[in-house]
Amino acid sequence: MDKNGQLTFFDDPLLQGINEAYTFIEAGDFTQAVKKIDDLMTINPDYPGLAEAYRVARFWESRKKAMQELQKGKDTADFLMTQWEEFEAFAQNRGLVWATAYQKAMRFVFFTASEHYTIAFNDRENPTDNLQLLMQLGTCFIRLGEYQHTIEALEYARSAYRSNACILSLLAESYYHTGDVPRALLYFREAFLLNPSEIDIQLLSAKPIIEALELVKQHKPDCSDVREWVPVMAHIHDIFYVKRQLNSSQLETIKKDIVKLEASFQTLDKEKIAQSNIVPRLINRYLWMLDYFEFQQYDQKSLFDIHDRLLAIDKGLFESYFQKKTFSKH
């Protein structure tokens, strides 16, 4: 014990032993991890963390041979990611998700997968797979909290694939956690305009997204896809407050989208509209145009027209919002 009478690392051989097992798991040496845990269980099978570590190590040990038989690169990385999905279900069923061994296994799996995706990308196994490889690499880094690595991988991808909502959302998440909040908010807003259904919301933990999701639950509890309403709530509550000016091409795209969405909105019955993403996507584009006519190319008539249209689409959502807007007619 130390001079304060507290238990130290060296006073507890089981603690030292289980930490060695954790080290083996993180390094991917599952055979040694199982051996170490077996030895510790003969001393005290009820020691905290041992049962969880044993289950984790056994799961991955049984898959190590299959992984070693695969070629380096995409095959190995894809195998790891597929097995991770199985492991997550396994861990959920057995209450392992909060165990230290689970976290150590996650670091092994995603770091190893990222190495193999990097190999695959550098070898250009299939040029048409480059986007998918980079996105998978970015996903690995996000899961590990390696946000700077995510930025490095996905900014490269973004240079070639600018209109990809998934890439933008992962970049936004990474910029948020590295402290570049303005860029993060800009990228989030643009990602949710491009295509909310491409965004893996489970990978996003940035505060603005969590706040917007809570607002969706409050105001649209019965919506079919919360992602579709995130940009609407983020606009109304001034969460995505960083905005760039629209160029002529972006402006025309939004206008064309509105025409198409309005056509569907006018022709479909209420049930089909409720089951679709038409309403939130139409509202979101009108909100972009609202910003355009208020802050970029001021046009009072257009502001009034959008004001009336949004009230007609969803009065409950916009009545109080427009009471705060200085251009309101009422």
C-alpha atoms as a PDB file:
ATOM      1  CA  MET A   1       0.000   0.000   0.000  1.00  0.00           C
ATOM      2  CA  ASP A   2       1.032   3.629  -0.428  1.00  0.00           C
ATOM      3  CA  LYS A   3       1.501   6.068   2.442  1.00  0.00           C
ATOM      4  CA  ASN A   4      -2.216   6.986   2.390  1.00  0.00           C
ATOM      5  CA  GLY A   5      -3.241   3.382   2.917  1.00  0.00           C
ATOM      6  CA  GLN A   6      -4.738   2.979  -0.564  1.00  0.00           C
ATOM      7  CA  LEU A   7      -4.435  -0.167  -2.634  1.00  0.00           C
ATOM      8  CA  THR A   8      -1.811   0.158  -5.348  1.00  0.00           C
ATOM      9  CA  PHE A   9      -1.354  -1.657  -8.623  1.00  0.00           C
ATOM     10  CA  PHE A  10       1.316  -3.999  -7.241  1.00  0.00           C
ATOM     11  CA  ASP A  11      -0.746  -4.983  -4.165  1.00  0.00           C
ATOM     12  CA  ASP A  12      -3.311  -6.734  -6.383  1.00  0.00           C
ATOM     13  CA  PRO A  13      -1.834  -9.403  -8.683  1.00  0.00           C
ATOM     14  CA  LEU A  14      -5.274 -10.042 -10.216  1.00  0.00           C
ATOM     15  CA  LEU A  15      -5.526  -6.410 -11.231  1.00  0.00           C
ATOM     16  CA  GLN A  16      -2.113  -6.594 -12.824  1.00  0.00           C
ATOM     17  CA  GLY A  17      -3.103  -9.829 -14.542  1.00  0.00           C
ATOM     18  CA  ILE A  18      -6.378  -8.565 -16.010  1.00  0.00           C
ATOM     19  CA  ASN A  19      -4.644  -5.456 -17.281  1.00  0.00           C
ATOM     20  CA  GLU A  20      -2.169  -7.723 -19.073  1.00  0.00           C
ATOM     21  CA  ALA A  21      -5.130  -9.558 -20.605  1.00  0.00           C
ATOM     22  CA  TYR A  22      -6.581  -6.231 -21.760  1.00  0.00           C
ATOM     23  CA  THR A  23      -3.244  -5.414 -23.377  1.00  0.00           C
ATOM     24  CA  PHE A  24      -3.305  -8.727 -25.239  1.00  0.00           C
ATOM     25  CA  ILE A  25      -6.871  -8.055 -26.463  1.00  0.00           C
ATOM     26  CA  GLU A  26      -6.003  -4.580 -27.732  1.00  0.00           C
ATOM     27  CA  ALA A  27      -2.962  -6.024 -29.527  1.00  0.00           C
ATOM     28  CA  GLY A  28      -5.096  -8.746 -31.132  1.00  0.00           C
ATOM     29  CA  ASP A  29      -3.286 -11.558 -29.307  1.00  0.00           C
ATOM     30  CA  PHE A  30      -6.464 -13.290 -28.223  1.00  0.00           C
ATOM     31  CA  THR A  31      -4.867 -16.682 -27.587  1.00  0.00           C
ATOM     32  CA  GLN A  32      -2.580 -15.169 -24.953  1.00  0.00           C
ATOM     33  CA  ALA A  33      -5.501 -13.186 -23.562  1.00  0.00           C
ATOM     34  CA  VAL A  34      -7.566 -16.381 -23.103  1.00  0.00           C
ATOM     35  CA  LYS A  35      -4.603 -18.157 -21.509  1.00  0.00           C
ATOM     36  CA  LYS A  36      -4.027 -15.305 -19.084  1.00  0.00           C
ATOM     37  CA  ILE A  37      -7.703 -15.110 -18.151  1.00  0.00           C
ATOM     38  CA  ASP A  38      -7.847 -18.910 -17.628  1.00  0.00           C
ATOM     39  CA  ASP A  39      -4.971 -18.612 -15.160  1.00  0.00           C
ATOM     40  CA  LEU A  40      -6.652 -15.734 -13.318  1.00  0.00           C
ATOM     41  CA  MET A  41      -9.948 -17.614 -13.091  1.00  0.00           C
ATOM     42  CA  THR A  42      -8.264 -20.442 -11.197  1.00  0.00           C
ATOM     43  CA  ILE A  43      -7.419 -17.866  -8.525  1.00  0.00           C
ATOM     44  CA  ASN A  44     -10.737 -15.968  -8.395  1.00  0.00           C
ATOM     45  CA  PRO A  45     -13.356 -16.666 -11.081  1.00  0.00           C
ATOM     46  CA  ASP A  46     -15.542 -13.849  -9.736  1.00  0.00           C
ATOM     47  CA  TYR A  47     -12.934 -11.113 -10.052  1.00  0.00           C
ATOM     48  CA  PRO A  48     -14.515  -8.027 -11.697  1.00  0.00           C
ATOM     49  CA  GLY A  49     -14.093  -7.974 -15.481  1.00  0.00           C
ATOM     50  CA  LEU A  50     -12.754 -11.512 -15.889  1.00  0.00           C
ATOM     51  CA  ALA A  51     -15.935 -13.119 -17.230  1.00  0.00           C
ATOM     52  CA  GLU A  52     -16.468 -10.254 -19.694  1.00  0.00           C
ATOM     53  CA  ALA A  53     -12.850 -10.346 -20.844  1.00  0.00           C
ATOM     54  CA  TYR A  54     -13.061 -14.115 -21.324  1.00  0.00           C
ATOM     55  CA  ARG A  55     -16.159 -13.853 -23.554  1.00  0.00           C
ATOM     56  CA  VAL A  56     -14.630 -11.051 -25.610  1.00  0.00           C
ATOM     57  CA  ALA A  57     -11.294 -12.816 -26.074  1.00  0.00           C
ATOM     58  CA  ARG A  58     -12.953 -16.123 -26.976  1.00  0.00           C
ATOM     59  CA  PHE A  59     -15.185 -14.475 -29.577  1.00  0.00           C
ATOM     60  CA  TRP A  60     -12.266 -12.912 -31.424  1.00  0.00           C
ATOM     61  CA  GLU A  61      -9.900 -15.837 -30.953  1.00  0.00           C
ATOM     62  CA  SER A  62     -12.352 -18.031 -32.868  1.00  0.00           C
ATOM     63  CA  ARG A  63     -12.156 -15.631 -35.822  1.00  0.00           C
ATOM     64  CA  LYS A  64      -8.428 -14.925 -35.878  1.00  0.00           C
ATOM     65  CA  LYS A  65      -7.538 -17.923 -38.091  1.00  0.00           C
ATOM     66  CA  ALA A  66     -10.155 -16.963 -40.709  1.00  0.00           C
ATOM     67  CA  MET A  67      -8.814 -13.410 -40.749  1.00  0.00           C
ATOM     68  CA  GLN A  68      -5.208 -14.556 -41.141  1.00  0.00           C
ATOM     69  CA  GLU A  69      -6.146 -16.590 -44.229  1.00  0.00           C
ATOM     70  CA  LEU A  70      -7.451 -13.494 -46.026  1.00  0.00           C
ATOM     71  CA  GLN A  71      -5.407 -11.202 -48.227  1.00  0.00           C
ATOM     72  CA  LYS A  72      -4.233  -7.959 -46.728  1.00  0.00           C
ATOM     73  CA  GLY A  73      -6.351  -5.000 -47.718  1.00  0.00           C
ATOM     74  CA  LYS A  74     -10.071  -4.762 -48.354  1.00  0.00           C
ATOM     75  CA  ASP A  75     -10.886  -8.448 -47.743  1.00  0.00           C
ATOM     76  CA  THR A  76      -9.417  -8.385 -44.249  1.00  0.00           C
ATOM     77  CA  ALA A  77     -10.922  -4.990 -43.417  1.00  0.00           C
ATOM     78  CA  ASP A  78     -14.384  -5.995 -44.631  1.00  0.00           C
ATOM     79  CA  PHE A  79     -14.164  -9.235 -42.647  1.00  0.00           C
ATOM     80  CA  LEU A  80     -13.348  -7.303 -39.482  1.00  0.00           C
ATOM     81  CA  MET A  81     -16.200  -4.852 -40.005  1.00  0.00           C
ATOM     82  CA  THR A  82     -18.682  -7.668 -40.666  1.00  0.00           C
ATOM     83  CA  GLN A  83     -17.522  -9.565 -37.605  1.00  0.00           C
ATOM     84  CA  TRP A  84     -17.754  -6.395 -35.547  1.00  0.00           C
ATOM     85  CA  GLU A  85     -21.457  -6.174 -36.388  1.00  0.00           C
ATOM     86  CA  GLU A  86     -21.872  -9.741 -35.097  1.00  0.00           C
ATOM     87  CA  PHE A  87     -19.800  -8.926 -32.045  1.00  0.00           C
ATOM     88  CA  GLU A  88     -21.934  -5.886 -31.234  1.00  0.00           C
ATOM     89  CA  ALA A  89     -25.060  -8.045 -31.196  1.00  0.00           C
ATOM     90  CA  PHE A  90     -23.226 -10.638 -29.094  1.00  0.00           C
ATOM     91  CA  ALA A  91     -22.024  -7.962 -26.668  1.00  0.00           C
ATOM     92  CA  GLN A  92     -25.465  -6.379 -26.363  1.00  0.00           C
ATOM     93  CA  ASN A  93     -27.066  -9.715 -25.531  1.00  0.00           C
ATOM     94  CA  ARG A  94     -24.499 -10.442 -22.820  1.00  0.00           C
ATOM     95  CA  GLY A  95     -24.154  -6.986 -21.342  1.00  0.00           C
ATOM     96  CA  LEU A  96     -20.556  -6.522 -22.467  1.00  0.00           C
ATOM     97  CA  VAL A  97     -20.862  -3.122 -24.119  1.00  0.00           C
ATOM     98  CA  TRP A  98     -19.604  -1.189 -21.099  1.00  0.00           C
ATOM     99  CA  ALA A  99     -16.815  -3.639 -20.282  1.00  0.00           C
ATOM    100  CA  THR A 100     -13.189  -2.589 -20.617  1.00  0.00           C
ATOM    101  CA  ALA A 101     -12.528  -5.675 -22.736  1.00  0.00           C
ATOM    102  CA  TYR A 102     -15.159  -4.504 -25.235  1.00  0.00           C
ATOM    103  CA  GLN A 103     -13.395  -1.146 -25.606  1.00  0.00           C
ATOM    104  CA  LYS A 104     -10.026  -2.859 -26.068  1.00  0.00           C
ATOM    105  CA  ALA A 105     -11.450  -5.158 -28.728  1.00  0.00           C
ATOM    106  CA  MET A 106     -12.986  -2.173 -30.491  1.00  0.00           C
ATOM    107  CA  ARG A 107      -9.604  -0.451 -30.672  1.00  0.00           C
ATOM    108  CA  PHE A 108      -8.007  -3.574 -32.133  1.00  0.00           C
ATOM    109  CA  VAL A 109     -10.760  -4.121 -34.702  1.00  0.00           C
ATOM    110  CA  PHE A 110     -11.059  -0.560 -35.957  1.00  0.00           C
ATOM    111  CA  PHE A 111      -7.358   0.260 -35.935  1.00  0.00           C
ATOM    112  CA  THR A 112      -6.617  -2.975 -37.800  1.00  0.00           C
ATOM    113  CA  ALA A 113      -9.468  -2.396 -40.242  1.00  0.00           C
ATOM    114  CA  SER A 114      -8.262   1.158 -40.887  1.00  0.00           C
ATOM    115  CA  GLU A 115      -4.760  -0.159 -41.641  1.00  0.00           C
ATOM    116  CA  HIS A 116      -6.149  -2.637 -44.167  1.00  0.00           C
ATOM    117  CA  TYR A 117      -8.473  -0.092 -45.778  1.00  0.00           C
ATOM    118  CA  THR A 118      -5.436   2.178 -46.149  1.00  0.00           C
ATOM    119  CA  ILE A 119      -3.546  -0.670 -47.816  1.00  0.00           C
ATOM    120  CA  ALA A 120      -6.485  -1.283 -50.152  1.00  0.00           C
ATOM    121  CA  PHE A 121      -6.761   2.374 -51.062  1.00  0.00           C
ATOM    122  CA  ASN A 122      -3.032   2.771 -51.678  1.00  0.00           C
ATOM    123  CA  ASP A 123      -2.967  -0.382 -53.801  1.00  0.00           C
ATOM    124  CA  ARG A 124      -6.055   0.834 -55.664  1.00  0.00           C
ATOM    125  CA  GLU A 125      -7.454  -2.674 -55.820  1.00  0.00           C
ATOM    126  CA  ASN A 126     -10.431  -1.284 -57.698  1.00  0.00           C
ATOM    127  CA  PRO A 127     -10.516   2.432 -58.565  1.00  0.00           C
ATOM    128  CA  THR A 128     -14.313   2.450 -58.480  1.00  0.00           C
ATOM    129  CA  ASP A 129     -14.134   1.397 -54.817  1.00  0.00           C
ATOM    130  CA  ASN A 130     -12.035   4.380 -53.757  1.00  0.00           C
ATOM    131  CA  LEU A 131     -14.942   6.371 -52.356  1.00  0.00           C
ATOM    132  CA  GLN A 132     -16.272   3.418 -50.396  1.00  0.00           C
ATOM    133  CA  LEU A 133     -12.801   2.613 -49.062  1.00  0.00           C
ATOM    134  CA  LEU A 134     -12.291   6.159 -47.858  1.00  0.00           C
ATOM    135  CA  MET A 135     -15.721   6.272 -46.239  1.00  0.00           C
ATOM    136  CA  GLN A 136     -15.065   2.979 -44.463  1.00  0.00           C
ATOM    137  CA  LEU A 137     -11.706   4.295 -43.335  1.00  0.00           C
ATOM    138  CA  GLY A 138     -13.361   7.461 -42.037  1.00  0.00           C
ATOM    139  CA  THR A 139     -15.961   5.382 -40.204  1.00  0.00           C
ATOM    140  CA  CYS A 140     -13.218   3.393 -38.464  1.00  0.00           C
ATOM    141  CA  PHE A 141     -11.502   6.562 -37.310  1.00  0.00           C
ATOM    142  CA  ILE A 142     -14.783   8.107 -36.134  1.00  0.00           C
ATOM    143  CA  ARG A 143     -15.552   5.026 -34.039  1.00  0.00           C
ATOM    144  CA  LEU A 144     -12.120   5.331 -32.443  1.00  0.00           C
ATOM    145  CA  GLY A 145     -12.457   9.053 -31.802  1.00  0.00           C
ATOM    146  CA  GLU A 146      -9.500   9.692 -34.138  1.00  0.00           C
ATOM    147  CA  TYR A 147     -11.035  12.845 -35.563  1.00  0.00           C
ATOM    148  CA  GLN A 148      -7.923  14.338 -37.127  1.00  0.00           C
ATOM    149  CA  HIS A 149      -7.328  11.099 -39.016  1.00  0.00           C
ATOM    150  CA  THR A 150     -10.949  11.229 -40.202  1.00  0.00           C
ATOM    151  CA  ILE A 151     -10.431  14.740 -41.519  1.00  0.00           C
ATOM    152  CA  GLU A 152      -7.264  13.742 -43.373  1.00  0.00           C
ATOM    153  CA  ALA A 153      -8.962  10.771 -45.020  1.00  0.00           C
ATOM    154  CA  LEU A 154     -12.285  12.396 -45.865  1.00  0.00           C
ATOM    155  CA  GLU A 155     -11.134  15.833 -46.977  1.00  0.00           C
ATOM    156  CA  TYR A 156      -9.266  13.934 -49.668  1.00  0.00           C
ATOM    157  CA  ALA A 157     -12.473  12.081 -50.531  1.00  0.00           C
ATOM    158  CA  ARG A 158     -14.443  15.327 -50.508  1.00  0.00           C
ATOM    159  CA  SER A 159     -12.116  16.827 -53.123  1.00  0.00           C
ATOM    160  CA  ALA A 160     -13.418  14.211 -55.567  1.00  0.00           C
ATOM    161  CA  TYR A 161     -16.913  13.592 -54.199  1.00  0.00           C
ATOM    162  CA  ARG A 162     -18.302  16.946 -53.083  1.00  0.00           C
ATOM    163  CA  SER A 163     -21.946  15.953 -53.179  1.00  0.00           C
ATOM    164  CA  ASN A 164     -21.801  13.135 -50.662  1.00  0.00           C
ATOM    165  CA  ALA A 165     -23.847  13.692 -47.513  1.00  0.00           C
ATOM    166  CA  CYS A 166     -22.170  10.888 -45.571  1.00  0.00           C
ATOM    167  CA  ILE A 167     -18.676  12.313 -46.134  1.00  0.00           C
ATOM    168  CA  LEU A 168     -19.787  15.813 -45.178  1.00  0.00           C
ATOM    169  CA  SER A 169     -21.529  14.623 -42.016  1.00  0.00           C
ATOM    170  CA  LEU A 170     -18.472  12.669 -40.837  1.00  0.00           C
ATOM    171  CA  LEU A 171     -16.235  15.625 -41.591  1.00  0.00           C
ATOM    172  CA  ALA A 172     -18.625  17.896 -39.683  1.00  0.00           C
ATOM    173  CA  GLU A 173     -18.539  15.519 -36.711  1.00  0.00           C
ATOM    174  CA  SER A 174     -14.740  15.477 -36.790  1.00  0.00           C
ATOM    175  CA  TYR A 175     -14.348  19.231 -37.127  1.00  0.00           C
ATOM    176  CA  TYR A 176     -16.721  19.718 -34.210  1.00  0.00           C
ATOM    177  CA  HIS A 177     -14.650  17.488 -31.938  1.00  0.00           C
ATOM    178  CA  THR A 178     -11.379  19.117 -33.018  1.00  0.00           C
ATOM    179  CA  GLY A 179     -12.747  22.549 -32.124  1.00  0.00           C
ATOM    180  CA  ASP A 180     -13.582  23.961 -35.566  1.00  0.00           C
ATOM    181  CA  VAL A 181     -17.248  24.557 -34.755  1.00  0.00           C
ATOM    182  CA  PRO A 182     -18.015  27.012 -37.600  1.00  0.00           C
ATOM    183  CA  ARG A 183     -16.824  24.559 -40.250  1.00  0.00           C
ATOM    184  CA  ALA A 184     -18.666  21.739 -38.511  1.00  0.00           C
ATOM    185  CA  LEU A 185     -21.973  23.624 -38.530  1.00  0.00           C
ATOM    186  CA  LEU A 186     -21.480  24.577 -42.170  1.00  0.00           C
ATOM    187  CA  TYR A 187     -20.819  20.974 -43.200  1.00  0.00           C
ATOM    188  CA  PHE A 188     -23.708  19.599 -41.127  1.00  0.00           C
ATOM    189  CA  ARG A 189     -26.138  22.038 -42.733  1.00  0.00           C
ATOM    190  CA  GLU A 190     -24.971  21.169 -46.242  1.00  0.00           C
ATOM    191  CA  ALA A 191     -24.934  17.409 -45.579  1.00  0.00           C
ATOM    192  CA  PHE A 192     -28.562  17.462 -44.430  1.00  0.00           C
ATOM    193  CA  LEU A 193     -29.541  19.410 -47.534  1.00  0.00           C
ATOM    194  CA  LEU A 194     -27.867  16.940 -49.883  1.00  0.00           C
ATOM    195  CA  ASN A 195     -29.475  13.745 -48.589  1.00  0.00           C
ATOM    196  CA  PRO A 196     -30.342  13.035 -44.940  1.00  0.00           C
ATOM    197  CA  SER A 197     -30.969   9.359 -45.699  1.00  0.00           C
ATOM    198  CA  GLU A 198     -27.272   8.884 -46.569  1.00  0.00           C
ATOM    199  CA  ILE A 199     -26.197  10.031 -43.114  1.00  0.00           C
ATOM    200  CA  ASP A 200     -25.419   7.441 -40.439  1.00  0.00           C
ATOM    201  CA  ILE A 201     -26.894   9.285 -37.473  1.00  0.00           C
ATOM    202  CA  GLN A 202     -25.523   6.706 -35.016  1.00  0.00           C
ATOM    203  CA  LEU A 203     -21.987   7.864 -35.811  1.00  0.00           C
ATOM    204  CA  LEU A 204     -22.788  11.458 -34.833  1.00  0.00           C
ATOM    205  CA  SER A 205     -22.471  12.623 -31.235  1.00  0.00           C
ATOM    206  CA  ALA A 206     -21.762  16.348 -31.734  1.00  0.00           C
ATOM    207  CA  LYS A 207     -23.861  18.551 -29.459  1.00  0.00           C
ATOM    208  CA  PRO A 208     -25.712  20.364 -32.306  1.00  0.00           C
ATOM    209  CA  ILE A 209     -26.944  17.037 -33.689  1.00  0.00           C
ATOM    210  CA  ILE A 210     -27.997  15.748 -30.274  1.00  0.00           C
ATOM    211  CA  GLU A 211     -29.906  18.998 -29.660  1.00  0.00           C
ATOM    212  CA  ALA A 212     -31.626  18.817 -33.054  1.00  0.00           C
ATOM    213  CA  LEU A 213     -32.582  15.166 -32.532  1.00  0.00           C
ATOM    214  CA  GLU A 214     -34.154  16.011 -29.170  1.00  0.00           C
ATOM    215  CA  LEU A 215     -36.187  18.745 -30.836  1.00  0.00           C
ATOM    216  CA  VAL A 216     -37.362  16.324 -33.513  1.00  0.00           C
ATOM    217  CA  LYS A 217     -38.531  13.926 -30.794  1.00  0.00           C
ATOM    218  CA  GLN A 218     -40.445  16.756 -29.131  1.00  0.00           C
ATOM    219  CA  HIS A 219     -42.075  18.273 -32.209  1.00  0.00           C
ATOM    220  CA  LYS A 220     -42.277  15.343 -34.657  1.00  0.00           C
ATOM    221  CA  PRO A 221     -42.472  12.211 -32.500  1.00  0.00           C
ATOM    222  CA  ASP A 222     -44.289  10.221 -35.181  1.00  0.00           C
ATOM    223  CA  CYS A 223     -42.022  11.044 -38.120  1.00  0.00           C
ATOM    224  CA  SER A 224     -40.784   8.105 -40.167  1.00  0.00           C
ATOM    225  CA  ASP A 225     -37.133   9.232 -40.258  1.00  0.00           C
ATOM    226  CA  VAL A 226     -35.716  11.652 -37.681  1.00  0.00           C
ATOM    227  CA  ARG A 227     -32.828  12.536 -39.993  1.00  0.00           C
ATOM    228  CA  GLU A 228     -35.175  14.295 -42.404  1.00  0.00           C
ATOM    229  CA  TRP A 229     -36.363  16.731 -39.712  1.00  0.00           C
ATOM    230  CA  VAL A 230     -32.933  17.495 -38.216  1.00  0.00           C
ATOM    231  CA  PRO A 231     -32.144  20.402 -40.614  1.00  0.00           C
ATOM    232  CA  VAL A 232     -35.609  21.890 -40.118  1.00  0.00           C
ATOM    233  CA  MET A 233     -35.284  21.935 -36.330  1.00  0.00           C
ATOM    234  CA  ALA A 234     -31.689  23.104 -36.573  1.00  0.00           C
ATOM    235  CA  HIS A 235     -32.803  26.090 -38.652  1.00  0.00           C
ATOM    236  CA  ILE A 236     -35.821  27.038 -36.563  1.00  0.00           C
ATOM    237  CA  HIS A 237     -33.814  26.906 -33.328  1.00  0.00           C
ATOM    238  CA  ASP A 238     -30.723  28.530 -34.847  1.00  0.00           C
ATOM    239  CA  ILE A 239     -28.474  25.509 -34.281  1.00  0.00           C
ATOM    240  CA  PHE A 240     -26.937  25.492 -37.789  1.00  0.00           C
ATOM    241  CA  TYR A 241     -26.236  29.222 -37.661  1.00  0.00           C
ATOM    242  CA  VAL A 242     -23.105  29.214 -39.855  1.00  0.00           C
ATOM    243  CA  LYS A 243     -24.060  29.574 -43.515  1.00  0.00           C
ATOM    244  CA  ARG A 244     -22.286  30.242 -46.770  1.00  0.00           C
ATOM    245  CA  GLN A 245     -23.634  32.203 -49.696  1.00  0.00           C
ATOM    246  CA  LEU A 246     -25.337  30.250 -52.441  1.00  0.00           C
ATOM    247  CA  ASN A 247     -23.823  30.384 -55.894  1.00  0.00           C
ATOM    248  CA  SER A 248     -26.045  30.481 -58.984  1.00  0.00           C
ATOM    249  CA  SER A 249     -25.806  26.723 -59.548  1.00  0.00           C
ATOM    250  CA  GLN A 250     -26.801  25.876 -55.970  1.00  0.00           C
ATOM    251  CA  LEU A 251     -29.632  28.373 -56.131  1.00  0.00           C
ATOM    252  CA  GLU A 252     -31.030  26.828 -59.303  1.00  0.00           C
ATOM    253  CA  THR A 253     -30.744  23.319 -57.853  1.00  0.00           C
ATOM    254  CA  ILE A 254     -32.749  24.298 -54.786  1.00  0.00           C
ATOM    255  CA  LYS A 255     -35.397  25.998 -56.929  1.00  0.00           C
ATOM    256  CA  LYS A 256     -35.725  22.903 -59.139  1.00  0.00           C
ATOM    257  CA  ASP A 257     -35.965  20.690 -56.056  1.00  0.00           C
ATOM    258  CA  ILE A 258     -38.795  22.844 -54.723  1.00  0.00           C
ATOM    259  CA  VAL A 259     -40.725  22.557 -58.001  1.00  0.00           C
ATOM    260  CA  LYS A 260     -40.406  18.741 -57.983  1.00  0.00           C
ATOM    261  CA  LEU A 261     -41.276  18.392 -54.306  1.00  0.00           C
ATOM    262  CA  GLU A 262     -44.242  20.745 -54.625  1.00  0.00           C
ATOM    263  CA  ALA A 263     -45.548  18.678 -57.536  1.00  0.00           C
ATOM    264  CA  SER A 264     -45.449  15.538 -55.399  1.00  0.00           C
ATOM    265  CA  PHE A 265     -46.913  17.376 -52.420  1.00  0.00           C
ATOM    266  CA  GLN A 266     -49.857  18.577 -54.493  1.00  0.00           C
ATOM    267  CA  THR A 267     -50.654  15.227 -56.120  1.00  0.00           C
ATOM    268  CA  LEU A 268     -50.132  12.652 -53.354  1.00  0.00           C
ATOM    269  CA  ASP A 269     -52.709  11.941 -50.680  1.00  0.00           C
ATOM    270  CA  LYS A 270     -52.031  12.728 -47.021  1.00  0.00           C
ATOM    271  CA  GLU A 271     -51.192   9.136 -46.106  1.00  0.00           C
ATOM    272  CA  LYS A 272     -48.534   8.805 -48.793  1.00  0.00           C
ATOM    273  CA  ILE A 273     -47.086  12.229 -47.932  1.00  0.00           C
ATOM    274  CA  ALA A 274     -46.861  11.216 -44.272  1.00  0.00           C
ATOM    275  CA  GLN A 275     -44.972   8.059 -45.224  1.00  0.00           C
ATOM    276  CA  SER A 276     -42.507   9.972 -47.405  1.00  0.00           C
ATOM    277  CA  ASN A 277     -39.753  12.535 -46.836  1.00  0.00           C
ATOM    278  CA  ILE A 278     -41.466  15.152 -49.014  1.00  0.00           C
ATOM    279  CA  VAL A 279     -42.574  17.567 -46.298  1.00  0.00           C
ATOM    280  CA  PRO A 280     -39.287  17.973 -44.371  1.00  0.00           C
ATOM    281  CA  ARG A 281     -37.261  18.178 -47.589  1.00  0.00           C
ATOM    282  CA  LEU A 282     -39.609  20.773 -49.055  1.00  0.00           C
ATOM    283  CA  ILE A 283     -39.531  22.809 -45.839  1.00  0.00           C
ATOM    284  CA  ASN A 284     -35.742  22.621 -45.638  1.00  0.00           C
ATOM    285  CA  ARG A 285     -35.338  23.995 -49.159  1.00  0.00           C
ATOM    286  CA  TYR A 286     -37.781  26.807 -48.468  1.00  0.00           C
ATOM    287  CA  LEU A 287     -35.716  27.652 -45.384  1.00  0.00           C
ATOM    288  CA  TRP A 288     -32.585  27.847 -47.506  1.00  0.00           C
ATOM    289  CA  MET A 289     -34.426  30.214 -49.849  1.00  0.00           C
ATOM    290  CA  LEU A 290     -35.649  32.194 -46.838  1.00  0.00           C
ATOM    291  CA  ASP A 291     -32.012  32.777 -45.838  1.00  0.00           C
ATOM    292  CA  TYR A 292     -31.114  33.653 -49.404  1.00  0.00           C
ATOM    293  CA  PHE A 293     -33.793  36.345 -49.771  1.00  0.00           C
ATOM    294  CA  GLU A 294     -33.191  37.725 -46.285  1.00  0.00           C
ATOM    295  CA  PHE A 295     -29.399  37.814 -46.095  1.00  0.00           C
ATOM    296  CA  GLN A 296     -27.952  37.401 -49.575  1.00  0.00           C
ATOM    297  CA  GLN A 297     -30.353  38.921 -52.095  1.00  0.00           C
ATOM    298  CA  TYR A 298     -32.987  40.774 -50.113  1.00  0.00           C
ATOM    299  CA  ASP A 299     -36.453  40.457 -51.621  1.00  0.00           C
ATOM    300  CA  GLN A 300     -39.402  41.266 -49.380  1.00  0.00           C
ATOM    301  CA  LYS A 301     -42.059  39.799 -51.681  1.00  0.00           C
ATOM    302  CA  SER A 302     -40.227  36.462 -51.883  1.00  0.00           C
ATOM    303  CA  LEU A 303     -39.871  36.459 -48.103  1.00  0.00           C
ATOM    304  CA  PHE A 304     -43.603  37.003 -47.692  1.00  0.00           C
ATOM    305  CA  ASP A 305     -44.399  34.271 -50.228  1.00  0.00           C
ATOM    306  CA  ILE A 306     -42.179  31.746 -48.433  1.00  0.00           C
ATOM    307  CA  HIS A 307     -43.619  32.861 -45.091  1.00  0.00           C
ATOM    308  CA  ASP A 308     -47.155  32.091 -46.290  1.00  0.00           C
ATOM    309  CA  ARG A 309     -46.165  28.802 -47.923  1.00  0.00           C
ATOM    310  CA  LEU A 310     -44.436  27.473 -44.815  1.00  0.00           C
ATOM    311  CA  LEU A 311     -47.419  28.406 -42.657  1.00  0.00           C
ATOM    312  CA  ALA A 312     -49.669  26.571 -45.085  1.00  0.00           C
ATOM    313  CA  ILE A 313     -47.471  23.462 -44.964  1.00  0.00           C
ATOM    314  CA  ASP A 314     -47.015  23.341 -41.174  1.00  0.00           C
ATOM    315  CA  LYS A 315     -48.743  26.118 -39.229  1.00  0.00           C
ATOM    316  CA  GLY A 316     -48.034  24.515 -35.867  1.00  0.00           C
ATOM    317  CA  LEU A 317     -44.312  24.536 -36.511  1.00  0.00           C
ATOM    318  CA  PHE A 318     -43.975  27.978 -38.055  1.00  0.00           C
ATOM    319  CA  GLU A 319     -46.533  30.249 -36.396  1.00  0.00           C
ATOM    320  CA  SER A 320     -44.401  31.016 -33.348  1.00  0.00           C
ATOM    321  CA  TYR A 321     -41.220  31.018 -35.430  1.00  0.00           C
ATOM    322  CA  PHE A 322     -42.458  33.760 -37.743  1.00  0.00           C
ATOM    323  CA  GLN A 323     -43.679  35.899 -34.863  1.00  0.00           C
ATOM    324  CA  LYS A 324     -39.979  36.510 -34.160  1.00  0.00           C
ATOM    325  CA  LYS A 325     -39.055  37.333 -37.767  1.00  0.00           C
ATOM    326  CA  THR A 326     -38.812  41.041 -38.536  1.00  0.00           C
ATOM    327  CA  PHE A 327     -40.114  40.672 -42.096  1.00  0.00           C
ATOM    328  CA  SER A 328     -43.401  39.090 -40.972  1.00  0.00           C
ATOM    329  CA  LYS A 329     -46.511  40.707 -42.407  1.00  0.00           C
ATOM    330  CA  HIS A 330     -48.524  40.060 -39.281  1.00  0.00           C
END
